[in-house]
Amino acid sequence: MAGELTSLGKFLRKLRIDRGELLRTMSSKLGISMSFLSSVENGKKSMPSDWVVKIPDLYNLDDTQKMEFDTAVAESEKGIGVKFEGLSEDKKKISVAFARKIQTLSPEARDAIQQYLF
């Protein structure tokens, strides 16, 4: 994926261009370096979590743009981290097994788990 714009990168680049901003301007507004912003756009670095709120507020995104941004953020997620600190060995094993199995669960099993969790 290196060198290839992600959905998030495309959204950020379009937002910049539509607002007449250079990479330097957007990076300054976000309090980051131009190289970091470029790396996020190109999928080389992950977006900081605070941007989920910061971008829509900073750029006063309308509802459609917010939906596009949320979708782009979701598509750019590469994974989720799990902290095992303080968990028993059994809980660690269950967590890893669940993560490996989630893709192969039937819709019924996913629904049952979702109802249990929420």
PDB file of N, CA and C in Angstrom:
ATOM      1  N   MET A   1       0.819  -1.190   0.000  1.00  0.00           N
ATOM      2  CA  MET A   1       0.000   0.000   0.000  1.00  0.00           C
ATOM      3  C   MET A   1       0.861   1.252   0.000  1.00  0.00           C
ATOM      4  N   ALA A   2       2.134   1.136   0.267  1.00  0.00           N
ATOM      5  CA  ALA A   2       3.017   2.287   0.338  1.00  0.00           C
ATOM      6  C   ALA A   2       2.913   3.108  -0.940  1.00  0.00           C
ATOM      7  N   GLY A   3       2.787   4.443  -0.781  1.00  0.00           N
ATOM      8  CA  GLY A   3       2.687   5.319  -1.922  1.00  0.00           C
ATOM      9  C   GLY A   3       1.296   5.406  -2.510  1.00  0.00           C
ATOM     10  N   GLU A   4       0.341   4.713  -1.935  1.00  0.00           N
ATOM     11  CA  GLU A   4      -1.017   4.683  -2.460  1.00  0.00           C
ATOM     12  C   GLU A   4      -1.952   5.402  -1.496  1.00  0.00           C
ATOM     13  N   LEU A   5      -2.749   6.336  -2.021  1.00  0.00           N
ATOM     14  CA  LEU A   5      -3.686   7.061  -1.165  1.00  0.00           C
ATOM     15  C   LEU A   5      -4.745   6.112  -0.616  1.00  0.00           C
ATOM     16  N   THR A   6      -4.996   6.237   0.663  1.00  0.00           N
ATOM     17  CA  THR A   6      -6.066   5.474   1.300  1.00  0.00           C
ATOM     18  C   THR A   6      -7.369   6.257   1.147  1.00  0.00           C
ATOM     19  N   SER A   7      -8.479   5.646   1.538  1.00  0.00           N
ATOM     20  CA  SER A   7      -9.754   6.373   1.532  1.00  0.00           C
ATOM     21  C   SER A   7      -9.645   7.611   2.409  1.00  0.00           C
ATOM     22  N   LEU A   8      -9.003   7.450   3.553  1.00  0.00           N
ATOM     23  CA  LEU A   8      -8.808   8.589   4.451  1.00  0.00           C
ATOM     24  C   LEU A   8      -7.903   9.628   3.798  1.00  0.00           C
ATOM     25  N   GLY A   9      -6.833   9.161   3.179  1.00  0.00           N
ATOM     26  CA  GLY A   9      -5.923  10.072   2.496  1.00  0.00           C
ATOM     27  C   GLY A   9      -6.615  10.846   1.387  1.00  0.00           C
ATOM     28  N   LYS A  10      -7.449  10.155   0.617  1.00  0.00           N
ATOM     29  CA  LYS A  10      -8.198  10.827  -0.450  1.00  0.00           C
ATOM     30  C   LYS A  10      -9.142  11.872   0.132  1.00  0.00           C
ATOM     31  N   PHE A  11      -9.807  11.507   1.248  1.00  0.00           N
ATOM     32  CA  PHE A  11     -10.718  12.459   1.875  1.00  0.00           C
ATOM     33  C   PHE A  11      -9.954  13.695   2.352  1.00  0.00           C
ATOM     34  N   LEU A  12      -8.840  13.482   3.055  1.00  0.00           N
ATOM     35  CA  LEU A  12      -8.072  14.615   3.581  1.00  0.00           C
ATOM     36  C   LEU A  12      -7.516  15.486   2.463  1.00  0.00           C
ATOM     37  N   ARG A  13      -7.002  14.855   1.417  1.00  0.00           N
ATOM     38  CA  ARG A  13      -6.449  15.620   0.292  1.00  0.00           C
ATOM     39  C   ARG A  13      -7.543  16.430  -0.401  1.00  0.00           C
ATOM     40  N   LYS A  14      -8.699  15.823  -0.621  1.00  0.00           N
ATOM     41  CA  LYS A  14      -9.811  16.534  -1.249  1.00  0.00           C
ATOM     42  C   LYS A  14     -10.273  17.692  -0.367  1.00  0.00           C
ATOM     43  N   LEU A  15     -10.353  17.450   0.930  1.00  0.00           N
ATOM     44  CA  LEU A  15     -10.745  18.505   1.867  1.00  0.00           C
ATOM     45  C   LEU A  15      -9.775  19.675   1.789  1.00  0.00           C
ATOM     46  N   ARG A  16      -8.491  19.380   1.777  1.00  0.00           N
ATOM     47  CA  ARG A  16      -7.468  20.422   1.672  1.00  0.00           C
ATOM     48  C   ARG A  16      -7.623  21.229   0.398  1.00  0.00           C
ATOM     49  N   ILE A  17      -7.747  20.507  -0.714  1.00  0.00           N
ATOM     50  CA  ILE A  17      -7.823  21.176  -2.012  1.00  0.00           C
ATOM     51  C   ILE A  17      -9.105  21.995  -2.120  1.00  0.00           C
ATOM     52  N   ASP A  18     -10.221  21.416  -1.691  1.00  0.00           N
ATOM     53  CA  ASP A  18     -11.499  22.138  -1.729  1.00  0.00           C
ATOM     54  C   ASP A  18     -11.459  23.414  -0.896  1.00  0.00           C
ATOM     55  N   ARG A  19     -10.661  23.400   0.172  1.00  0.00           N
ATOM     56  CA  ARG A  19     -10.550  24.579   1.046  1.00  0.00           C
ATOM     57  C   ARG A  19      -9.396  25.483   0.627  1.00  0.00           C
ATOM     58  N   GLY A  20      -8.717  25.122  -0.457  1.00  0.00           N
ATOM     59  CA  GLY A  20      -7.607  25.932  -0.950  1.00  0.00           C
ATOM     60  C   GLY A  20      -6.393  25.904  -0.037  1.00  0.00           C
ATOM     61  N   GLU A  21      -6.201  24.795   0.685  1.00  0.00           N
ATOM     62  CA  GLU A  21      -5.088  24.680   1.618  1.00  0.00           C
ATOM     63  C   GLU A  21      -3.968  23.829   1.046  1.00  0.00           C
ATOM     64  N   LEU A  22      -2.764  24.203   1.416  1.00  0.00           N
ATOM     65  CA  LEU A  22      -1.594  23.393   1.108  1.00  0.00           C
ATOM     66  C   LEU A  22      -1.406  22.373   2.223  1.00  0.00           C
ATOM     67  N   LEU A  23      -0.598  21.373   1.967  1.00  0.00           N
ATOM     68  CA  LEU A  23      -0.255  20.379   2.976  1.00  0.00           C
ATOM     69  C   LEU A  23       0.261  21.083   4.234  1.00  0.00           C
ATOM     70  N   ARG A  24       1.043  22.116   4.039  1.00  0.00           N
ATOM     71  CA  ARG A  24       1.617  22.884   5.145  1.00  0.00           C
ATOM     72  C   ARG A  24       0.525  23.511   6.009  1.00  0.00           C
ATOM     73  N   THR A  25      -0.514  24.037   5.381  1.00  0.00           N
ATOM     74  CA  THR A  25      -1.587  24.703   6.122  1.00  0.00           C
ATOM     75  C   THR A  25      -2.364  23.712   6.973  1.00  0.00           C
ATOM     76  N   MET A  26      -2.756  22.580   6.367  1.00  0.00           N
ATOM     77  CA  MET A  26      -3.515  21.590   7.121  1.00  0.00           C
ATOM     78  C   MET A  26      -2.669  21.006   8.242  1.00  0.00           C
ATOM     79  N   SER A  27      -1.417  20.706   7.973  1.00  0.00           N
ATOM     80  CA  SER A  27      -0.565  20.128   9.011  1.00  0.00           C
ATOM     81  C   SER A  27      -0.381  21.113  10.161  1.00  0.00           C
ATOM     82  N   SER A  28      -0.273  22.382   9.838  1.00  0.00           N
ATOM     83  CA  SER A  28      -0.141  23.400  10.876  1.00  0.00           C
ATOM     84  C   SER A  28      -1.408  23.468  11.735  1.00  0.00           C
ATOM     85  N   LYS A  29      -2.569  23.425  11.095  1.00  0.00           N
ATOM     86  CA  LYS A  29      -3.839  23.455  11.827  1.00  0.00           C
ATOM     87  C   LYS A  29      -3.977  22.251  12.751  1.00  0.00           C
ATOM     88  N   LEU A  30      -3.457  21.101  12.315  1.00  0.00           N
ATOM     89  CA  LEU A  30      -3.550  19.867  13.097  1.00  0.00           C
ATOM     90  C   LEU A  30      -2.407  19.728  14.106  1.00  0.00           C
ATOM     91  N   GLY A  31      -1.428  20.633  14.017  1.00  0.00           N
ATOM     92  CA  GLY A  31      -0.312  20.600  14.955  1.00  0.00           C
ATOM     93  C   GLY A  31       0.654  19.454  14.719  1.00  0.00           C
ATOM     94  N   ILE A  32       0.846  19.104  13.448  1.00  0.00           N
ATOM     95  CA  ILE A  32       1.733  17.997  13.081  1.00  0.00           C
ATOM     96  C   ILE A  32       2.661  18.450  11.958  1.00  0.00           C
ATOM     97  N   SER A  33       3.631  17.625  11.626  1.00  0.00           N
ATOM     98  CA  SER A  33       4.534  17.951  10.526  1.00  0.00           C
ATOM     99  C   SER A  33       3.873  17.622   9.184  1.00  0.00           C
ATOM    100  N   MET A  34       4.371  18.260   8.141  1.00  0.00           N
ATOM    101  CA  MET A  34       3.872  17.963   6.798  1.00  0.00           C
ATOM    102  C   MET A  34       4.165  16.518   6.425  1.00  0.00           C
ATOM    103  N   SER A  35       5.324  16.011   6.829  1.00  0.00           N
ATOM    104  CA  SER A  35       5.680  14.636   6.477  1.00  0.00           C
ATOM    105  C   SER A  35       4.745  13.641   7.164  1.00  0.00           C
ATOM    106  N   PHE A  36       4.313  13.946   8.407  1.00  0.00           N
ATOM    107  CA  PHE A  36       3.388  13.040   9.084  1.00  0.00           C
ATOM    108  C   PHE A  36       2.040  13.033   8.370  1.00  0.00           C
ATOM    109  N   LEU A  37       1.535  14.208   8.011  1.00  0.00           N
ATOM    110  CA  LEU A  37       0.258  14.287   7.291  1.00  0.00           C
ATOM    111  C   LEU A  37       0.357  13.557   5.960  1.00  0.00           C
ATOM    112  N   SER A  38       1.443  13.733   5.269  1.00  0.00           N
ATOM    113  CA  SER A  38       1.646  13.036   4.006  1.00  0.00           C
ATOM    114  C   SER A  38       1.657  11.526   4.218  1.00  0.00           C
ATOM    115  N   SER A  39       2.297  11.082   5.286  1.00  0.00           N
ATOM    116  CA  SER A  39       2.342   9.652   5.588  1.00  0.00           C
ATOM    117  C   SER A  39       0.959   9.098   5.905  1.00  0.00           C
ATOM    118  N   VAL A  40       0.127   9.880   6.584  1.00  0.00           N
ATOM    119  CA  VAL A  40      -1.249   9.447   6.861  1.00  0.00           C
ATOM    120  C   VAL A  40      -2.019   9.347   5.551  1.00  0.00           C
ATOM    121  N   GLU A  41      -1.896  10.366   4.707  1.00  0.00           N
ATOM    122  CA  GLU A  41      -2.596  10.356   3.422  1.00  0.00           C
ATOM    123  C   GLU A  41      -2.193   9.155   2.574  1.00  0.00           C
ATOM    124  N   ASN A  42      -0.930   8.774   2.650  1.00  0.00           N
ATOM    125  CA  ASN A  42      -0.419   7.681   1.828  1.00  0.00           C
ATOM    126  C   ASN A  42      -0.498   6.317   2.495  1.00  0.00           C
ATOM    127  N   GLY A  43      -1.152   6.256   3.645  1.00  0.00           N
ATOM    128  CA  GLY A  43      -1.356   4.983   4.322  1.00  0.00           C
ATOM    129  C   GLY A  43      -0.134   4.423   5.008  1.00  0.00           C
ATOM    130  N   LYS A  44       0.899   5.224   5.165  1.00  0.00           N
ATOM    131  CA  LYS A  44       2.123   4.759   5.813  1.00  0.00           C
ATOM    132  C   LYS A  44       2.051   4.894   7.335  1.00  0.00           C
ATOM    133  N   LYS A  45       1.202   5.792   7.809  1.00  0.00           N
ATOM    134  CA  LYS A  45       1.006   6.004   9.248  1.00  0.00           C
ATOM    135  C   LYS A  45      -0.484   6.021   9.533  1.00  0.00           C
ATOM    136  N   SER A  46      -0.823   5.661  10.763  1.00  0.00           N
ATOM    137  CA  SER A  46      -2.221   5.687  11.188  1.00  0.00           C
ATOM    138  C   SER A  46      -2.605   7.085  11.647  1.00  0.00           C
ATOM    139  N   MET A  47      -3.866   7.396  11.467  1.00  0.00           N
ATOM    140  CA  MET A  47      -4.396   8.677  11.880  1.00  0.00           C
ATOM    141  C   MET A  47      -4.478   8.721  13.407  1.00  0.00           C
ATOM    142  N   PRO A  48      -4.045   9.806  14.042  1.00  0.00           N
ATOM    143  CA  PRO A  48      -4.226   9.934  15.487  1.00  0.00           C
ATOM    144  C   PRO A  48      -5.718   9.890  15.849  1.00  0.00           C
ATOM    145  N   SER A  49      -6.035   9.244  16.937  1.00  0.00           N
ATOM    146  CA  SER A  49      -7.447   9.053  17.308  1.00  0.00           C
ATOM    147  C   SER A  49      -8.177  10.363  17.554  1.00  0.00           C
ATOM    148  N   ASP A  50      -7.471  11.398  17.979  1.00  0.00           N
ATOM    149  CA  ASP A  50      -8.165  12.660  18.260  1.00  0.00           C
ATOM    150  C   ASP A  50      -8.658  13.364  16.993  1.00  0.00           C
ATOM    151  N   TRP A  51      -8.188  12.920  15.833  1.00  0.00           N
ATOM    152  CA  TRP A  51      -8.662  13.523  14.590  1.00  0.00           C
ATOM    153  C   TRP A  51     -10.120  13.202  14.306  1.00  0.00           C
ATOM    154  N   VAL A  52     -10.644  12.142  14.893  1.00  0.00           N
ATOM    155  CA  VAL A  52     -12.046  11.767  14.670  1.00  0.00           C
ATOM    156  C   VAL A  52     -12.962  12.927  15.064  1.00  0.00           C
ATOM    157  N   VAL A  53     -12.578  13.666  16.085  1.00  0.00           N
ATOM    158  CA  VAL A  53     -13.351  14.831  16.526  1.00  0.00           C
ATOM    159  C   VAL A  53     -12.757  16.109  15.954  1.00  0.00           C
ATOM    160  N   LYS A  54     -11.440  16.170  15.887  1.00  0.00           N
ATOM    161  CA  LYS A  54     -10.733  17.391  15.490  1.00  0.00           C
ATOM    162  C   LYS A  54     -11.038  17.822  14.056  1.00  0.00           C
ATOM    163  N   ILE A  55     -10.988  16.896  13.116  1.00  0.00           N
ATOM    164  CA  ILE A  55     -11.194  17.237  11.694  1.00  0.00           C
ATOM    165  C   ILE A  55     -12.601  17.805  11.461  1.00  0.00           C
ATOM    166  N   PRO A  56     -13.672  17.095  11.885  1.00  0.00           N
ATOM    167  CA  PRO A  56     -15.015  17.647  11.651  1.00  0.00           C
ATOM    168  C   PRO A  56     -15.221  19.017  12.294  1.00  0.00           C
ATOM    169  N   ASP A  57     -14.680  19.207  13.491  1.00  0.00           N
ATOM    170  CA  ASP A  57     -14.823  20.507  14.165  1.00  0.00           C
ATOM    171  C   ASP A  57     -14.001  21.582  13.488  1.00  0.00           C
ATOM    172  N   LEU A  58     -12.751  21.280  13.210  1.00  0.00           N
ATOM    173  CA  LEU A  58     -11.831  22.241  12.620  1.00  0.00           C
ATOM    174  C   LEU A  58     -12.296  22.717  11.246  1.00  0.00           C
ATOM    175  N   TYR A  59     -12.874  21.788  10.481  1.00  0.00           N
ATOM    176  CA  TYR A  59     -13.287  22.111   9.120  1.00  0.00           C
ATOM    177  C   TYR A  59     -14.802  22.280   8.973  1.00  0.00           C
ATOM    178  N   ASN A  60     -15.510  22.272  10.098  1.00  0.00           N
ATOM    179  CA  ASN A  60     -16.952  22.497  10.093  1.00  0.00           C
ATOM    180  C   ASN A  60     -17.646  21.643   9.019  1.00  0.00           C
ATOM    181  N   LEU A  61     -17.385  20.329   9.081  1.00  0.00           N
ATOM    182  CA  LEU A  61     -17.935  19.413   8.078  1.00  0.00           C
ATOM    183  C   LEU A  61     -19.451  19.318   8.207  1.00  0.00           C
ATOM    184  N   ASP A  62     -20.130  19.263   7.066  1.00  0.00           N
ATOM    185  CA  ASP A  62     -21.575  19.051   7.091  1.00  0.00           C
ATOM    186  C   ASP A  62     -21.848  17.560   7.314  1.00  0.00           C
ATOM    187  N   ASP A  63     -23.122  17.199   7.459  1.00  0.00           N
ATOM    188  CA  ASP A  63     -23.476  15.811   7.782  1.00  0.00           C
ATOM    189  C   ASP A  63     -22.968  14.821   6.736  1.00  0.00           C
ATOM    190  N   THR A  64     -23.066  15.182   5.458  1.00  0.00           N
ATOM    191  CA  THR A  64     -22.594  14.293   4.391  1.00  0.00           C
ATOM    192  C   THR A  64     -21.084  14.101   4.483  1.00  0.00           C
ATOM    193  N   GLN A  65     -20.371  15.190   4.695  1.00  0.00           N
ATOM    194  CA  GLN A  65     -18.916  15.111   4.818  1.00  0.00           C
ATOM    195  C   GLN A  65     -18.513  14.307   6.050  1.00  0.00           C
ATOM    196  N   LYS A  66     -19.256  14.473   7.143  1.00  0.00           N
ATOM    197  CA  LYS A  66     -18.963  13.701   8.356  1.00  0.00           C
ATOM    198  C   LYS A  66     -19.130  12.207   8.099  1.00  0.00           C
ATOM    199  N   MET A  67     -20.172  11.845   7.354  1.00  0.00           N
ATOM    200  CA  MET A  67     -20.388  10.432   7.027  1.00  0.00           C
ATOM    201  C   MET A  67     -19.252   9.910   6.153  1.00  0.00           C
ATOM    202  N   GLU A  68     -18.846  10.706   5.156  1.00  0.00           N
ATOM    203  CA  GLU A  68     -17.736  10.316   4.287  1.00  0.00           C
ATOM    204  C   GLU A  68     -16.450  10.154   5.093  1.00  0.00           C
ATOM    205  N   PHE A  69     -16.221  11.075   6.021  1.00  0.00           N
ATOM    206  CA  PHE A  69     -15.030  11.025   6.864  1.00  0.00           C
ATOM    207  C   PHE A  69     -15.063   9.784   7.750  1.00  0.00           C
ATOM    208  N   ASP A  70     -16.196   9.529   8.400  1.00  0.00           N
ATOM    209  CA  ASP A  70     -16.324   8.349   9.268  1.00  0.00           C
ATOM    210  C   ASP A  70     -16.092   7.055   8.495  1.00  0.00           C
ATOM    211  N   THR A  71     -16.634   7.003   7.281  1.00  0.00           N
ATOM    212  CA  THR A  71     -16.441   5.821   6.439  1.00  0.00           C
ATOM    213  C   THR A  71     -14.975   5.654   6.078  1.00  0.00           C
ATOM    214  N   ALA A  72     -14.325   6.749   5.705  1.00  0.00           N
ATOM    215  CA  ALA A  72     -12.905   6.702   5.347  1.00  0.00           C
ATOM    216  C   ALA A  72     -12.052   6.276   6.537  1.00  0.00           C
ATOM    217  N   VAL A  73     -12.396   6.770   7.721  1.00  0.00           N
ATOM    218  CA  VAL A  73     -11.659   6.394   8.929  1.00  0.00           C
ATOM    219  C   VAL A  73     -11.818   4.894   9.179  1.00  0.00           C
ATOM    220  N   ALA A  74     -13.055   4.407   9.084  1.00  0.00           N
ATOM    221  CA  ALA A  74     -13.317   2.985   9.322  1.00  0.00           C
ATOM    222  C   ALA A  74     -12.554   2.113   8.332  1.00  0.00           C
ATOM    223  N   GLU A  75     -12.513   2.527   7.071  1.00  0.00           N
ATOM    224  CA  GLU A  75     -11.809   1.752   6.048  1.00  0.00           C
ATOM    225  C   GLU A  75     -10.297   1.767   6.253  1.00  0.00           C
ATOM    226  N   SER A  76      -9.794   2.815   6.900  1.00  0.00           N
ATOM    227  CA  SER A  76      -8.350   2.923   7.082  1.00  0.00           C
ATOM    228  C   SER A  76      -7.850   2.170   8.300  1.00  0.00           C
ATOM    229  N   GLU A  77      -8.761   1.747   9.152  1.00  0.00           N
ATOM    230  CA  GLU A  77      -8.351   1.011  10.346  1.00  0.00           C
ATOM    231  C   GLU A  77      -7.698  -0.299   9.932  1.00  0.00           C
ATOM    232  N   LYS A  78      -6.515  -0.530  10.405  1.00  0.00           N
ATOM    233  CA  LYS A  78      -5.777  -1.738  10.047  1.00  0.00           C
ATOM    234  C   LYS A  78      -5.967  -2.839  11.066  1.00  0.00           C
ATOM    235  N   GLY A  79      -6.411  -2.491  12.226  1.00  0.00           N
ATOM    236  CA  GLY A  79      -6.587  -3.488  13.271  1.00  0.00           C
ATOM    237  C   GLY A  79      -6.926  -2.819  14.582  1.00  0.00           C
ATOM    238  N   ILE A  80      -7.038  -3.625  15.593  1.00  0.00           N
ATOM    239  CA  ILE A  80      -7.346  -3.123  16.911  1.00  0.00           C
ATOM    240  C   ILE A  80      -6.375  -3.741  17.896  1.00  0.00           C
ATOM    241  N   GLY A  81      -5.929  -2.949  18.822  1.00  0.00           N
ATOM    242  CA  GLY A  81      -5.004  -3.453  19.825  1.00  0.00           C
ATOM    243  C   GLY A  81      -5.746  -3.938  21.058  1.00  0.00           C
ATOM    244  N   VAL A  82      -5.207  -4.954  21.666  1.00  0.00           N
ATOM    245  CA  VAL A  82      -5.769  -5.485  22.897  1.00  0.00           C
ATOM    246  C   VAL A  82      -4.667  -5.506  23.937  1.00  0.00           C
ATOM    247  N   LYS A  83      -4.936  -4.921  25.093  1.00  0.00           N
ATOM    248  CA  LYS A  83      -3.966  -4.951  26.181  1.00  0.00           C
ATOM    249  C   LYS A  83      -4.239  -6.176  27.032  1.00  0.00           C
ATOM    250  N   PHE A  84      -3.219  -7.011  27.189  1.00  0.00           N
ATOM    251  CA  PHE A  84      -3.352  -8.237  27.959  1.00  0.00           C
ATOM    252  C   PHE A  84      -2.878  -8.072  29.396  1.00  0.00           C
ATOM    253  N   GLU A  85      -2.353  -6.905  29.703  1.00  0.00           N
ATOM    254  CA  GLU A  85      -1.845  -6.674  31.048  1.00  0.00           C
ATOM    255  C   GLU A  85      -2.948  -6.912  32.084  1.00  0.00           C
ATOM    256  N   GLY A  86      -2.654  -7.737  33.054  1.00  0.00           N
ATOM    257  CA  GLY A  86      -3.612  -8.009  34.129  1.00  0.00           C
ATOM    258  C   GLY A  86      -4.617  -9.104  33.826  1.00  0.00           C
ATOM    259  N   LEU A  87      -4.597  -9.634  32.600  1.00  0.00           N
ATOM    260  CA  LEU A  87      -5.523 -10.718  32.260  1.00  0.00           C
ATOM    261  C   LEU A  87      -4.904 -12.070  32.613  1.00  0.00           C
ATOM    262  N   SER A  88      -5.753 -12.980  33.016  1.00  0.00           N
ATOM    263  CA  SER A  88      -5.291 -14.340  33.281  1.00  0.00           C
ATOM    264  C   SER A  88      -4.922 -15.004  31.953  1.00  0.00           C
ATOM    265  N   GLU A  89      -4.182 -16.095  32.034  1.00  0.00           N
ATOM    266  CA  GLU A  89      -3.806 -16.833  30.824  1.00  0.00           C
ATOM    267  C   GLU A  89      -5.048 -17.316  30.069  1.00  0.00           C
ATOM    268  N   ASP A  90      -6.066 -17.762  30.795  1.00  0.00           N
ATOM    269  CA  ASP A  90      -7.304 -18.216  30.160  1.00  0.00           C
ATOM    270  C   ASP A  90      -7.970 -17.095  29.374  1.00  0.00           C
ATOM    271  N   LYS A  91      -8.031 -15.905  29.955  1.00  0.00           N
ATOM    272  CA  LYS A  91      -8.657 -14.766  29.279  1.00  0.00           C
ATOM    273  C   LYS A  91      -7.847 -14.337  28.056  1.00  0.00           C
ATOM    274  N   LYS A  92      -6.532 -14.418  28.154  1.00  0.00           N
ATOM    275  CA  LYS A  92      -5.690 -14.107  27.002  1.00  0.00           C
ATOM    276  C   LYS A  92      -5.968 -15.086  25.862  1.00  0.00           C
ATOM    277  N   LYS A  93      -6.029 -16.379  26.192  1.00  0.00           N
ATOM    278  CA  LYS A  93      -6.289 -17.399  25.180  1.00  0.00           C
ATOM    279  C   LYS A  93      -7.652 -17.198  24.535  1.00  0.00           C
ATOM    280  N   ILE A  94      -8.659 -16.881  25.341  1.00  0.00           N
ATOM    281  CA  ILE A  94     -10.006 -16.651  24.815  1.00  0.00           C
ATOM    282  C   ILE A  94     -10.008 -15.448  23.885  1.00  0.00           C
ATOM    283  N   SER A  95      -9.329 -14.373  24.278  1.00  0.00           N
ATOM    284  CA  SER A  95      -9.282 -13.155  23.462  1.00  0.00           C
ATOM    285  C   SER A  95      -8.652 -13.416  22.102  1.00  0.00           C
ATOM    286  N   VAL A  96      -7.537 -14.108  22.090  1.00  0.00           N
ATOM    287  CA  VAL A  96      -6.843 -14.414  20.839  1.00  0.00           C
ATOM    288  C   VAL A  96      -7.685 -15.352  19.977  1.00  0.00           C
ATOM    289  N   ALA A  97      -8.267 -16.378  20.588  1.00  0.00           N
ATOM    290  CA  ALA A  97      -9.105 -17.322  19.834  1.00  0.00           C
ATOM    291  C   ALA A  97     -10.291 -16.607  19.213  1.00  0.00           C
ATOM    292  N   PHE A  98     -10.911 -15.699  19.965  1.00  0.00           N
ATOM    293  CA  PHE A  98     -12.058 -14.951  19.443  1.00  0.00           C
ATOM    294  C   PHE A  98     -11.643 -14.086  18.251  1.00  0.00           C
ATOM    295  N   ALA A  99     -10.517 -13.399  18.388  1.00  0.00           N
ATOM    296  CA  ALA A  99     -10.036 -12.543  17.295  1.00  0.00           C
ATOM    297  C   ALA A  99      -9.787 -13.349  16.021  1.00  0.00           C
ATOM    298  N   ARG A 100      -9.263 -14.555  16.180  1.00  0.00           N
ATOM    299  CA  ARG A 100      -8.997 -15.399  15.017  1.00  0.00           C
ATOM    300  C   ARG A 100     -10.285 -15.943  14.402  1.00  0.00           C
ATOM    301  N   LYS A 101     -11.285 -16.187  15.220  1.00  0.00           N
ATOM    302  CA  LYS A 101     -12.512 -16.852  14.790  1.00  0.00           C
ATOM    303  C   LYS A 101     -13.579 -15.890  14.249  1.00  0.00           C
ATOM    304  N   ILE A 102     -13.524 -14.626  14.595  1.00  0.00           N
ATOM    305  CA  ILE A 102     -14.602 -13.673  14.298  1.00  0.00           C
ATOM    306  C   ILE A 102     -14.981 -13.646  12.816  1.00  0.00           C
ATOM    307  N   GLN A 103     -14.013 -13.767  11.933  1.00  0.00           N
ATOM    308  CA  GLN A 103     -14.291 -13.700  10.498  1.00  0.00           C
ATOM    309  C   GLN A 103     -15.099 -14.883   9.989  1.00  0.00           C
ATOM    310  N   THR A 104     -15.034 -15.997  10.692  1.00  0.00           N
ATOM    311  CA  THR A 104     -15.700 -17.210  10.205  1.00  0.00           C
ATOM    312  C   THR A 104     -17.013 -17.516  10.922  1.00  0.00           C
ATOM    313  N   LEU A 105     -17.424 -16.651  11.835  1.00  0.00           N
ATOM    314  CA  LEU A 105     -18.676 -16.885  12.558  1.00  0.00           C
ATOM    315  C   LEU A 105     -19.875 -16.722  11.634  1.00  0.00           C
ATOM    316  N   SER A 106     -20.892 -17.518  11.863  1.00  0.00           N
ATOM    317  CA  SER A 106     -22.135 -17.384  11.100  1.00  0.00           C
ATOM    318  C   SER A 106     -22.834 -16.099  11.527  1.00  0.00           C
ATOM    319  N   PRO A 107     -23.719 -15.569  10.689  1.00  0.00           N
ATOM    320  CA  PRO A 107     -24.474 -14.376  11.078  1.00  0.00           C
ATOM    321  C   PRO A 107     -25.250 -14.591  12.384  1.00  0.00           C
ATOM    322  N   GLU A 108     -25.769 -15.798  12.576  1.00  0.00           N
ATOM    323  CA  GLU A 108     -26.518 -16.089  13.792  1.00  0.00           C
ATOM    324  C   GLU A 108     -25.621 -16.017  15.026  1.00  0.00           C
ATOM    325  N   ALA A 109     -24.425 -16.568  14.905  1.00  0.00           N
ATOM    326  CA  ALA A 109     -23.478 -16.537  16.022  1.00  0.00           C
ATOM    327  C   ALA A 109     -23.051 -15.105  16.328  1.00  0.00           C
ATOM    328  N   ARG A 110     -22.793 -14.320  15.275  1.00  0.00           N
ATOM    329  CA  ARG A 110     -22.426 -12.913  15.486  1.00  0.00           C
ATOM    330  C   ARG A 110     -23.548 -12.152  16.163  1.00  0.00           C
ATOM    331  N   ASP A 111     -24.790 -12.391  15.725  1.00  0.00           N
ATOM    332  CA  ASP A 111     -25.940 -11.723  16.348  1.00  0.00           C
ATOM    333  C   ASP A 111     -26.064 -12.100  17.818  1.00  0.00           C
ATOM    334  N   ALA A 112     -25.874 -13.368  18.117  1.00  0.00           N
ATOM    335  CA  ALA A 112     -25.975 -13.832  19.510  1.00  0.00           C
ATOM    336  C   ALA A 112     -24.896 -13.181  20.376  1.00  0.00           C
ATOM    337  N   ILE A 113     -23.674 -13.104  19.850  1.00  0.00           N
ATOM    338  CA  ILE A 113     -22.576 -12.471  20.590  1.00  0.00           C
ATOM    339  C   ILE A 113     -22.855 -10.993  20.772  1.00  0.00           C
ATOM    340  N   GLN A 114     -23.320 -10.366  19.721  1.00  0.00           N
ATOM    341  CA  GLN A 114     -23.621  -8.931  19.804  1.00  0.00           C
ATOM    342  C   GLN A 114     -24.688  -8.659  20.856  1.00  0.00           C
ATOM    343  N   GLN A 115     -25.730  -9.466  20.887  1.00  0.00           N
ATOM    344  CA  GLN A 115     -26.786  -9.294  21.889  1.00  0.00           C
ATOM    345  C   GLN A 115     -26.234  -9.505  23.292  1.00  0.00           C
ATOM    346  N   TYR A 116     -25.347 -10.449  23.440  1.00  0.00           N
ATOM    347  CA  TYR A 116     -24.738 -10.713  24.742  1.00  0.00           C
ATOM    348  C   TYR A 116     -23.874  -9.535  25.202  1.00  0.00           C
ATOM    349  N   LEU A 117     -23.094  -8.994  24.283  1.00  0.00           N
ATOM    350  CA  LEU A 117     -22.169  -7.918  24.615  1.00  0.00           C
ATOM    351  C   LEU A 117     -22.837  -6.560  24.821  1.00  0.00           C
ATOM    352  N   PHE A 118     -23.910  -6.343  24.068  1.00  0.00           N
ATOM    353  CA  PHE A 118     -24.540  -5.021  24.129  1.00  0.00           C
ATOM    354  C   PHE A 118     -25.895  -5.109  24.759  1.00  0.00           C
TER     355      PHE A 118
END
